[in-house]
C-alpha atoms as a PDB file:
ATOM      1  CA  MET A   1     100.523 125.792  86.513  1.00  0.00           C
ATOM      2  CA  LEU A   2      97.113 124.316  87.425  1.00  0.00           C
ATOM      3  CA  GLU A   3      97.098 120.082  87.079  1.00  0.00           C
ATOM      4  CA  LEU A   4      94.456 119.967  85.084  1.00  0.00           C
ATOM      5  CA  ARG A   5      94.175 115.557  84.663  1.00  0.00           C
ATOM      6  CA  SER A   6      94.678 114.930  88.668  1.00  0.00           C
ATOM      7  CA  LEU A   7      91.384 114.609  89.652  1.00  0.00           C
ATOM      8  CA  PRO A   8      90.047 111.063  91.499  1.00  0.00           C
ATOM      9  CA  VAL A   9      88.117 109.059  89.413  1.00  0.00           C
ATOM     10  CA  GLU A  10      85.113 109.030  91.635  1.00  0.00           C
ATOM     11  CA  CYS A  11      82.987 110.627  88.815  1.00  0.00           C
ATOM     12  CA  ALA A  12      79.653 109.700  89.135  1.00  0.00           C
ATOM     13  CA  GLN A  13      78.752 110.972  92.704  1.00  0.00           C
ATOM     14  CA  ARG A  14      80.838 114.169  91.757  1.00  0.00           C
ATOM     15  CA  ARG A  15      79.250 114.678  88.143  1.00  0.00           C
ATOM     16  CA  ARG A  16      75.764 114.329  90.367  1.00  0.00           C
ATOM     17  CA  ASP A  17      76.711 116.837  92.950  1.00  0.00           C
ATOM     18  CA  SER A  18      78.727 119.416  90.954  1.00  0.00           C
ATOM     19  CA  ALA A  19      77.279 122.989  90.752  1.00  0.00           C
ATOM     20  CA  CYS A  20      78.223 122.927  87.042  1.00  0.00           C
ATOM     21  CA  ALA A  21      75.956 119.688  86.128  1.00  0.00           C
ATOM     22  CA  THR A  22      73.201 121.193  87.943  1.00  0.00           C
ATOM     23  CA  CYS A  23      73.394 125.004  86.826  1.00  0.00           C
ATOM     24  CA  GLY A  24      70.434 125.961  85.001  1.00  0.00           C
ATOM     25  CA  ALA A  25      72.326 128.679  82.937  1.00  0.00           C
ATOM     26  CA  ARG A  26      74.915 125.900  81.181  1.00  0.00           C
ATOM     27  CA  ALA A  27      72.662 125.313  78.082  1.00  0.00           C
ATOM     28  CA  PHE A  28      73.453 129.011  77.851  1.00  0.00           C
ATOM     29  CA  SER A  29      76.844 128.746  78.337  1.00  0.00           C
ATOM     30  CA  VAL A  30      80.015 128.231  76.632  1.00  0.00           C
ATOM     31  CA  CYS A  31      80.260 125.438  79.351  1.00  0.00           C
ATOM     32  CA  ASP A  32      77.788 123.293  77.472  1.00  0.00           C
ATOM     33  CA  SER A  33      80.402 122.658  75.015  1.00  0.00           C
ATOM     34  CA  LEU A  34      82.448 120.315  77.655  1.00  0.00           C
ATOM     35  CA  PRO A  35      82.477 116.809  77.873  1.00  0.00           C
ATOM     36  CA  PRO A  36      81.829 115.005  81.589  1.00  0.00           C
ATOM     37  CA  GLU A  37      85.420 114.492  82.339  1.00  0.00           C
ATOM     38  CA  ASP A  38      86.297 118.472  81.271  1.00  0.00           C
ATOM     39  CA  LEU A  39      83.013 119.854  83.061  1.00  0.00           C
ATOM     40  CA  ASP A  40      84.399 118.294  86.398  1.00  0.00           C
ATOM     41  CA  GLN A  41      87.921 120.204  85.635  1.00  0.00           C
ATOM     42  CA  LEU A  42      85.940 123.139  85.050  1.00  0.00           C
ATOM     43  CA  ASP A  43      83.791 122.661  88.299  1.00  0.00           C
ATOM     44  CA  SER A  44      87.331 122.069  90.488  1.00  0.00           C
ATOM     45  CA  ILE A  45      88.323 125.673  89.586  1.00  0.00           C
ATOM     46  CA  ALA A  46      84.876 127.596  90.136  1.00  0.00           C
ATOM     47  CA  GLU A  47      83.836 129.338  92.983  1.00  0.00           C
ATOM     48  CA  GLN A  48      80.154 129.765  93.526  1.00  0.00           C
ATOM     49  CA  THR A  49      79.798 133.615  94.054  1.00  0.00           C
ATOM     50  CA  ARG A  50      76.793 136.132  94.766  1.00  0.00           C
ATOM     51  CA  PHE A  51      76.151 139.575  94.451  1.00  0.00           C
ATOM     52  CA  ALA A  52      73.306 141.739  95.589  1.00  0.00           C
ATOM     53  CA  THR A  53      71.664 144.444  93.651  1.00  0.00           C
ATOM     54  CA  GLY A  54      74.415 147.653  93.649  1.00  0.00           C
ATOM     55  CA  GLU A  55      77.634 145.244  94.159  1.00  0.00           C
ATOM     56  CA  VAL A  56      80.458 145.380  91.981  1.00  0.00           C
ATOM     57  CA  LEU A  57      82.018 142.635  90.978  1.00  0.00           C
ATOM     58  CA  VAL A  58      84.930 144.612  89.003  1.00  0.00           C
ATOM     59  CA  ARG A  59      86.049 148.046  88.480  1.00  0.00           C
ATOM     60  CA  GLU A  60      87.972 149.408  85.802  1.00  0.00           C
ATOM     61  CA  GLY A  61      91.376 150.158  86.308  1.00  0.00           C
ATOM     62  CA  GLU A  62      91.733 147.152  89.295  1.00  0.00           C
ATOM     63  CA  ARG A  63      94.075 143.891  88.258  1.00  0.00           C
ATOM     64  CA  ALA A  64      92.089 141.698  86.210  1.00  0.00           C
ATOM     65  CA  ASP A  65      93.086 138.711  87.997  1.00  0.00           C
ATOM     66  CA  HIS A  66      89.225 136.819  87.699  1.00  0.00           C
ATOM     67  CA  LEU A  67      87.081 135.927  85.066  1.00  0.00           C
ATOM     68  CA  PHE A  68      83.379 135.401  85.394  1.00  0.00           C
ATOM     69  CA  ASN A  69      80.326 133.130  84.002  1.00  0.00           C
ATOM     70  CA  VAL A  70      76.891 134.561  84.570  1.00  0.00           C
ATOM     71  CA  THR A  71      74.569 131.638  86.218  1.00  0.00           C
ATOM     72  CA  SER A  72      71.375 133.900  87.010  1.00  0.00           C
ATOM     73  CA  GLY A  73      70.451 137.742  87.688  1.00  0.00           C
ATOM     74  CA  ALA A  74      71.883 140.323  85.371  1.00  0.00           C
ATOM     75  CA  LEU A  75      74.851 142.854  85.441  1.00  0.00           C
ATOM     76  CA  ARG A  76      75.369 146.335  83.526  1.00  0.00           C
ATOM     77  CA  ILE A  77      79.007 146.671  82.028  1.00  0.00           C
ATOM     78  CA  TYR A  78      79.717 150.329  81.925  1.00  0.00           C
ATOM     79  CA  LYS A  79      82.582 153.034  81.695  1.00  0.00           C
ATOM     80  CA  LEU A  80      83.064 156.255  83.502  1.00  0.00           C
ATOM     81  CA  MET A  81      84.378 159.698  81.777  1.00  0.00           C
ATOM     82  CA  PRO A  82      86.780 161.703  83.425  1.00  0.00           C
ATOM     83  CA  ASP A  83      83.500 164.378  84.094  1.00  0.00           C
ATOM     84  CA  GLY A  84      81.917 161.545  85.880  1.00  0.00           C
ATOM     85  CA  ARG A  85      79.517 160.590  82.785  1.00  0.00           C
ATOM     86  CA  ARG A  86      78.712 156.892  82.647  1.00  0.00           C
ATOM     87  CA  GLN A  87      78.422 154.808  79.226  1.00  0.00           C
ATOM     88  CA  ILE A  88      77.120 151.486  79.974  1.00  0.00           C
ATOM     89  CA  THR A  89      78.010 149.433  76.911  1.00  0.00           C
ATOM     90  CA  GLY A  90      75.949 146.379  77.738  1.00  0.00           C
ATOM     91  CA  PHE A  91      73.570 144.069  80.109  1.00  0.00           C
ATOM     92  CA  LEU A  92      74.465 140.455  80.792  1.00  0.00           C
ATOM     93  CA  PHE A  93      73.035 138.072  81.751  1.00  0.00           C
ATOM     94  CA  ALA A  94      72.441 134.421  82.736  1.00  0.00           C
ATOM     95  CA  GLY A  95      75.072 132.199  79.889  1.00  0.00           C
ATOM     96  CA  ASP A  96      77.169 135.453  79.528  1.00  0.00           C
ATOM     97  CA  PHE A  97      80.926 135.550  80.142  1.00  0.00           C
ATOM     98  CA  VAL A  98      82.800 138.441  81.768  1.00  0.00           C
ATOM     99  CA  GLY A  99      86.460 139.388  81.610  1.00  0.00           C
ATOM    100  CA  LEU A 100      88.099 137.099  79.029  1.00  0.00           C
ATOM    101  CA  ALA A 101      88.973 139.669  76.713  1.00  0.00           C
ATOM    102  CA  THR A 102      90.603 141.877  79.007  1.00  0.00           C
ATOM    103  CA  GLY A 103      94.530 142.981  79.731  1.00  0.00           C
ATOM    104  CA  PRO A 104      96.608 143.468  82.917  1.00  0.00           C
ATOM    105  CA  THR A 105      93.962 145.606  84.045  1.00  0.00           C
ATOM    106  CA  TYR A 106      89.343 145.826  83.842  1.00  0.00           C
ATOM    107  CA  ALA A 107      88.512 147.916  80.906  1.00  0.00           C
ATOM    108  CA  PHE A 108      85.224 148.141  82.458  1.00  0.00           C
ATOM    109  CA  SER A 109      83.296 148.172  85.666  1.00  0.00           C
ATOM    110  CA  ALA A 110      80.417 145.403  85.846  1.00  0.00           C
ATOM    111  CA  GLU A 111      77.860 145.654  88.485  1.00  0.00           C
ATOM    112  CA  ALA A 112      74.926 143.716  89.762  1.00  0.00           C
ATOM    113  CA  ILE A 113      71.801 145.147  88.605  1.00  0.00           C
ATOM    114  CA  GLU A 114      69.312 142.960  90.524  1.00  0.00           C
ATOM    115  CA  ASP A 115      70.829 140.002  92.738  1.00  0.00           C
ATOM    116  CA  THR A 116      73.004 137.913  90.781  1.00  0.00           C
ATOM    117  CA  THR A 117      75.172 134.698  90.853  1.00  0.00           C
ATOM    118  CA  VAL A 118      78.539 133.654  88.949  1.00  0.00           C
ATOM    119  CA  CYS A 119      81.206 131.345  88.618  1.00  0.00           C
ATOM    120  CA  ARG A 120      84.247 132.979  89.777  1.00  0.00           C
ATOM    121  CA  PHE A 121      87.734 131.833  88.167  1.00  0.00           C
ATOM    122  CA  ARG A 122      91.032 132.138  88.850  1.00  0.00           C
ATOM    123  CA  LYS A 123      91.952 133.646  85.195  1.00  0.00           C
ATOM    124  CA  ALA A 124      95.655 131.855  85.565  1.00  0.00           C
ATOM    125  CA  ASP A 125      93.557 128.610  85.994  1.00  0.00           C
ATOM    126  CA  TYR A 126      91.184 129.251  83.913  1.00  0.00           C
ATOM    127  CA  LEU A 127      93.334 129.694  80.953  1.00  0.00           C
ATOM    128  CA  ALA A 128      95.430 126.776  81.411  1.00  0.00           C
ATOM    129  CA  LEU A 129      92.035 124.797  81.189  1.00  0.00           C
ATOM    130  CA  LEU A 130      91.405 126.217  78.002  1.00  0.00           C
ATOM    131  CA  GLN A 131      95.140 125.166  77.010  1.00  0.00           C
ATOM    132  CA  GLU A 132      93.594 121.474  77.514  1.00  0.00           C
ATOM    133  CA  THR A 133      90.185 121.990  76.340  1.00  0.00           C
ATOM    134  CA  PRO A 134      89.605 122.539  72.467  1.00  0.00           C
ATOM    135  CA  ALA A 135      85.962 122.443  72.715  1.00  0.00           C
ATOM    136  CA  LEU A 136      85.727 125.282  75.395  1.00  0.00           C
ATOM    137  CA  GLY A 137      87.999 127.219  73.182  1.00  0.00           C
ATOM    138  CA  SER A 138      85.747 127.164  70.036  1.00  0.00           C
ATOM    139  CA  ALA A 139      82.728 127.897  72.312  1.00  0.00           C
ATOM    140  CA  LEU A 140      84.709 130.825  73.642  1.00  0.00           C
ATOM    141  CA  LEU A 141      85.562 131.924  69.994  1.00  0.00           C
ATOM    142  CA  GLU A 142      81.649 131.439  68.794  1.00  0.00           C
ATOM    143  CA  ARG A 143      80.520 133.749  71.764  1.00  0.00           C
ATOM    144  CA  ALA A 144      83.007 136.437  70.305  1.00  0.00           C
ATOM    145  CA  ARG A 145      81.542 136.545  67.356  1.00  0.00           C
ATOM    146  CA  HIS A 146      78.037 136.940  68.752  1.00  0.00           C
ATOM    147  CA  GLU A 147      79.994 139.932  70.934  1.00  0.00           C
ATOM    148  CA  LEU A 148      81.119 141.330  67.926  1.00  0.00           C
ATOM    149  CA  ALA A 149      78.036 141.089  65.815  1.00  0.00           C
ATOM    150  CA  ALA A 150      76.147 142.982  69.085  1.00  0.00           C
ATOM    151  CA  ALA A 151      78.628 145.460  69.260  1.00  0.00           C
ATOM    152  CA  GLN A 152      78.354 146.764  65.512  1.00  0.00           C
ATOM    153  CA  ASN A 153      75.203 146.454  66.330  1.00  0.00           C
ATOM    154  CA  GLN A 154      75.433 149.101  69.507  1.00  0.00           C
ATOM    155  CA  MET A 155      77.118 151.325  67.265  1.00  0.00           C
ATOM    156  CA  LEU A 156      74.375 151.675  64.534  1.00  0.00           C
ATOM    157  CA  LEU A 157      71.661 152.090  67.091  1.00  0.00           C
ATOM    158  CA  LEU A 158      73.803 154.703  68.625  1.00  0.00           C
ATOM    159  CA  GLY A 159      75.128 156.761  65.443  1.00  0.00           C
ATOM    160  CA  ARG A 160      71.977 156.512  63.257  1.00  0.00           C
ATOM    161  CA  LYS A 161      69.246 155.809  64.854  1.00  0.00           C
ATOM    162  CA  SER A 162      66.262 157.915  66.426  1.00  0.00           C
ATOM    163  CA  ALA A 163      65.637 158.407  69.874  1.00  0.00           C
ATOM    164  CA  GLN A 164      62.290 156.383  69.287  1.00  0.00           C
ATOM    165  CA  GLU A 165      64.192 154.036  67.024  1.00  0.00           C
ATOM    166  CA  ARG A 166      66.802 153.010  69.984  1.00  0.00           C
ATOM    167  CA  ILE A 167      64.055 152.595  72.409  1.00  0.00           C
ATOM    168  CA  ALA A 168      62.192 150.326  70.458  1.00  0.00           C
ATOM    169  CA  SER A 169      65.021 148.387  69.107  1.00  0.00           C
ATOM    170  CA  PHE A 170      65.980 148.129  72.866  1.00  0.00           C
ATOM    171  CA  LEU A 171      62.435 146.543  73.940  1.00  0.00           C
ATOM    172  CA  LEU A 172      62.386 143.998  70.914  1.00  0.00           C
ATOM    173  CA  ASP A 173      66.406 142.614  71.329  1.00  0.00           C
ATOM    174  CA  LEU A 174      66.026 142.443  75.098  1.00  0.00           C
ATOM    175  CA  PRO A 175      64.306 139.372  75.586  1.00  0.00           C
ATOM    176  CA  GLY A 176      66.503 137.745  73.223  1.00  0.00           C
ATOM    177  CA  LEU A 177      69.434 138.162  75.714  1.00  0.00           C
ATOM    178  CA  ASP A 178      68.123 136.811  78.804  1.00  0.00           C
ATOM    179  CA  PRO A 179      67.473 132.982  77.759  1.00  0.00           C
ATOM    180  CA  ALA A 180      67.369 131.568  80.801  1.00  0.00           C
ATOM    181  CA  ARG A 181      64.155 133.523  82.275  1.00  0.00           C
ATOM    182  CA  PRO A 182      62.007 132.745  79.789  1.00  0.00           C
ATOM    183  CA  LEU A 183      58.336 134.638  79.891  1.00  0.00           C
ATOM    184  CA  GLU A 184      55.268 134.347  77.930  1.00  0.00           C
ATOM    185  CA  ASP A 185      55.178 135.458  74.292  1.00  0.00           C
ATOM    186  CA  GLY A 186      55.647 139.258  73.961  1.00  0.00           C
ATOM    187  CA  HIS A 187      56.585 140.012  77.438  1.00  0.00           C
ATOM    188  CA  VAL A 188      59.532 141.746  78.027  1.00  0.00           C
ATOM    189  CA  HIS A 189      61.514 141.810  81.630  1.00  0.00           C
ATOM    190  CA  LEU A 190      63.660 145.105  82.385  1.00  0.00           C
ATOM    191  CA  PRO A 191      65.433 144.603  85.192  1.00  0.00           C
ATOM    192  CA  MET A 192      67.202 147.715  84.602  1.00  0.00           C
ATOM    193  CA  THR A 193      66.359 151.378  85.674  1.00  0.00           C
ATOM    194  CA  ARG A 194      65.011 154.366  83.470  1.00  0.00           C
ATOM    195  CA  ALA A 195      68.290 155.928  83.964  1.00  0.00           C
ATOM    196  CA  GLU A 196      70.327 152.896  83.242  1.00  0.00           C
ATOM    197  CA  MET A 197      68.519 152.165  79.885  1.00  0.00           C
ATOM    198  CA  ALA A 198      69.251 155.909  78.893  1.00  0.00           C
ATOM    199  CA  ASP A 199      72.918 155.574  79.722  1.00  0.00           C
ATOM    200  CA  TYR A 200      73.030 152.334  77.518  1.00  0.00           C
ATOM    201  CA  LEU A 201      70.949 154.135  74.565  1.00  0.00           C
ATOM    202  CA  GLY A 202      72.764 157.672  74.835  1.00  0.00           C
ATOM    203  CA  LEU A 203      69.617 159.415  75.792  1.00  0.00           C
ATOM    204  CA  THR A 204      67.991 161.018  78.599  1.00  0.00           C
ATOM    205  CA  ILE A 205      65.874 159.872  81.177  1.00  0.00           C
ATOM    206  CA  GLU A 206      63.075 162.097  80.014  1.00  0.00           C
ATOM    207  CA  THR A 207      63.421 161.018  76.448  1.00  0.00           C
ATOM    208  CA  VAL A 208      63.380 157.345  77.951  1.00  0.00           C
ATOM    209  CA  SER A 209      60.140 158.114  79.806  1.00  0.00           C
ATOM    210  CA  ARG A 210      58.672 160.121  77.008  1.00  0.00           C
ATOM    211  CA  GLY A 211      59.457 157.259  74.146  1.00  0.00           C
ATOM    212  CA  LEU A 212      57.898 154.712  76.428  1.00  0.00           C
ATOM    213  CA  THR A 213      54.890 156.666  77.020  1.00  0.00           C
ATOM    214  CA  LYS A 214      54.686 157.310  73.516  1.00  0.00           C
ATOM    215  CA  LEU A 215      54.665 153.834  72.874  1.00  0.00           C
ATOM    216  CA  LYS A 216      52.108 153.138  75.362  1.00  0.00           C
ATOM    217  CA  THR A 217      49.425 156.005  74.197  1.00  0.00           C
ATOM    218  CA  ALA A 218      49.959 154.304  70.526  1.00  0.00           C
ATOM    219  CA  GLY A 219      48.799 150.889  72.091  1.00  0.00           C
ATOM    220  CA  ILE A 220      51.861 149.098  70.771  1.00  0.00           C
ATOM    221  CA  ILE A 221      53.155 148.114  74.417  1.00  0.00           C
ATOM    222  CA  ARG A 222      51.301 147.643  77.599  1.00  0.00           C
ATOM    223  CA  LEU A 223      53.552 148.787  80.983  1.00  0.00           C
ATOM    224  CA  LEU A 224      52.726 146.249  83.417  1.00  0.00           C
ATOM    225  CA  SER A 225      54.825 147.211  86.172  1.00  0.00           C
ATOM    226  CA  LEU A 226      58.132 149.236  86.584  1.00  0.00           C
ATOM    227  CA  HIS A 227      60.068 146.319  85.468  1.00  0.00           C
ATOM    228  CA  GLU A 228      57.971 144.681  82.993  1.00  0.00           C
ATOM    229  CA  LEU A 229      55.884 145.634  79.794  1.00  0.00           C
ATOM    230  CA  ARG A 230      53.952 143.601  77.097  1.00  0.00           C
ATOM    231  CA  VAL A 231      54.400 144.198  73.544  1.00  0.00           C
ATOM    232  CA  GLU A 232      51.137 144.385  72.045  1.00  0.00           C
ATOM    233  CA  GLN A 233      51.928 145.297  68.743  1.00  0.00           C
ATOM    234  CA  PRO A 234      55.628 143.743  67.411  1.00  0.00           C
ATOM    235  CA  GLU A 235      55.362 144.291  63.870  1.00  0.00           C
ATOM    236  CA  ARG A 236      54.875 148.193  64.495  1.00  0.00           C
ATOM    237  CA  LEU A 237      57.367 148.176  66.798  1.00  0.00           C
ATOM    238  CA  ARG A 238      59.376 146.472  64.777  1.00  0.00           C
ATOM    239  CA  ALA A 239      58.978 148.892  61.882  1.00  0.00           C
ATOM    240  CA  ILE A 240      59.819 151.840  64.356  1.00  0.00           C
ATOM    241  CA  ALA A 241      62.785 150.162  65.442  1.00  0.00           C
ATOM    242  CA  GLU A 242      63.836 149.880  61.366  1.00  0.00           C
ATOM    243  CA  GLY A 243      62.907 153.577  60.974  1.00  0.00           C
ATOM    244  CA  GLU A 244      59.988 152.629  58.811  1.00  0.00           C
ATOM    245  CA  ALA A 245      57.619 154.438  61.086  1.00  0.00           C
END
């Protein structure tokens, strides 16, 4: 069992130097709920790790020995069907947490879709800290509520919305998922490929490409590059997303 209260009290210098104290994603993470003394404890069990684009953090079926807090970049969370088809169940960004709700093995795979940094924790150490830190437990519970609401919205998106409604909803929701990367109003950063968008939205690549082209032709969006666009007419885009157009 981790000794949670055994750190020497040279705290002022450690807090200035700790990765937690200087982390740019802290304001968007459950870590922000911690007072300085508990933040020191969290820092003592964290391992800062980098993953290049395409590198895998965890694979479905592997032992779930670690938890991850994303501090920069972006991940895709996905499951593979027996025939090789892939369903992306979510995209994670700075401040998001990976792996807490797993059993003895990971129920999904997680892969970096751009260069990404994470804090990696041994699951046993993190759960020990969680027992000693009510504020952290409350923050994780609140995050779980948001994830449940997001899962319900995803069920609606896949079950009832048309292809164009799915694409519009995705473009409207994406900026709010990545708060550590502020953009000009109306700009949308797309770190994922068109194929990844398709696997998340339950569509084909061709349908996603046609849908974006249709929005561009209508003047609703402007494609700035492969990975960035600008929403020129947000109200029209929202009307499409809500099935009113």
